[in-house]
């Protein structure tokens, strides 16, 4: 599932994205965010983070820098 989601995003980047003007309000772009989130957290959590990010990408949101959250690995409290 992880590989399939990454393939879909990469196909979007190569085929659809070049046909559209740059409109993403965030850095990194939503597709780059999606790739990083899925690679870091897997298909389920990374996919959910990507969906949440895409839902924020609209003209009424200020945008800005919105990086993928750090993984829980190595965090000890």
Protein backbone atom coordinates (compact mmCIF):
# COMPACT_ATOMS: atom_id res chain seq x y z
CA UNK A 1 0.00 0.00 0.00
CA UNK A 2 2.85 2.38 0.87
CA UNK A 3 4.49 1.87 -2.54
CA UNK A 4 1.17 2.39 -4.32
CA UNK A 5 0.52 5.71 -2.56
CA UNK A 6 4.05 6.91 -3.29
CA UNK A 7 3.64 5.91 -6.95
CA UNK A 8 0.36 7.84 -7.21
CA UNK A 9 1.94 10.98 -5.74
CA UNK A 10 5.01 10.72 -7.98
CA UNK A 11 2.81 10.23 -11.06
CA UNK A 12 0.85 13.35 -10.04
CA UNK A 13 4.14 15.27 -9.75
CA UNK A 14 5.35 14.16 -13.19
CA UNK A 15 2.10 14.23 -15.19
CA UNK A 16 -0.49 16.56 -13.66
CA UNK A 17 1.48 19.10 -11.64
CA UNK A 18 3.49 20.47 -14.61
CA UNK A 19 0.21 21.31 -16.39
CA UNK A 20 -1.00 23.52 -13.54
CA UNK A 21 0.34 26.84 -12.26
CA UNK A 22 2.02 26.61 -8.82
CA UNK A 23 -0.77 27.10 -6.29
CA UNK A 24 0.31 25.29 -3.12
CA UNK A 25 0.21 27.65 -0.16
CA UNK A 26 2.71 25.63 1.85
CA UNK A 27 6.36 24.70 1.98
CA UNK A 28 7.05 21.91 1.30
CA UNK A 29 4.38 21.46 -1.35
CA UNK A 30 1.51 19.13 -0.52
CA UNK A 31 2.86 16.37 -2.77
CA UNK A 32 6.35 16.57 -1.27
CA UNK A 33 4.77 16.60 2.20
CA UNK A 34 2.79 13.48 1.27
CA UNK A 35 5.87 11.59 0.11
CA UNK A 36 7.79 12.46 3.28
CA UNK A 37 4.85 11.65 5.58
CA UNK A 38 4.21 8.27 3.95
CA UNK A 39 7.90 7.37 3.97
CA UNK A 40 8.23 8.37 7.63
CA UNK A 41 4.98 7.00 9.07
CA UNK A 42 3.71 4.43 6.57
CA UNK A 43 0.57 4.32 4.47
CA UNK A 44 -2.03 4.71 7.21
CA UNK A 45 -0.71 7.54 9.39
CA UNK A 46 1.26 9.17 6.55
CA UNK A 47 -1.79 9.03 4.31
CA UNK A 48 -3.94 10.59 7.04
CA UNK A 49 -1.42 13.41 7.58
CA UNK A 50 -1.39 14.02 3.82
CA UNK A 51 -5.19 14.19 3.62
CA UNK A 52 -5.27 16.66 6.53
CA UNK A 53 -2.64 18.79 4.81
CA UNK A 54 -4.47 18.82 1.46
CA UNK A 55 -7.68 19.87 3.25
CA UNK A 56 -5.83 22.92 4.63
CA UNK A 57 -4.60 23.96 1.18
CA UNK A 58 -7.24 26.51 0.18
CA UNK A 59 -7.35 30.28 -0.40
CA UNK A 60 -8.64 31.04 3.10
CA UNK A 61 -5.69 29.42 4.90
CA UNK A 62 -2.57 31.58 5.25
CA UNK A 63 -0.22 28.71 4.33
CA UNK A 64 3.46 28.97 5.20
CA UNK A 65 5.96 26.42 6.44
CA UNK A 66 4.25 23.20 7.53
CA UNK A 67 6.69 20.33 7.87
CA UNK A 68 5.93 16.69 8.54
CA UNK A 69 5.98 16.07 12.31
CA UNK A 70 8.99 14.20 13.66
CA UNK A 71 8.64 10.47 14.15
CA UNK A 72 8.28 9.12 17.66
CA UNK A 73 11.49 7.07 17.34
CA UNK A 74 14.15 8.01 19.82
CA UNK A 75 11.90 10.27 21.87
CA UNK A 76 12.19 9.47 25.55
CA UNK A 77 10.57 11.51 28.27
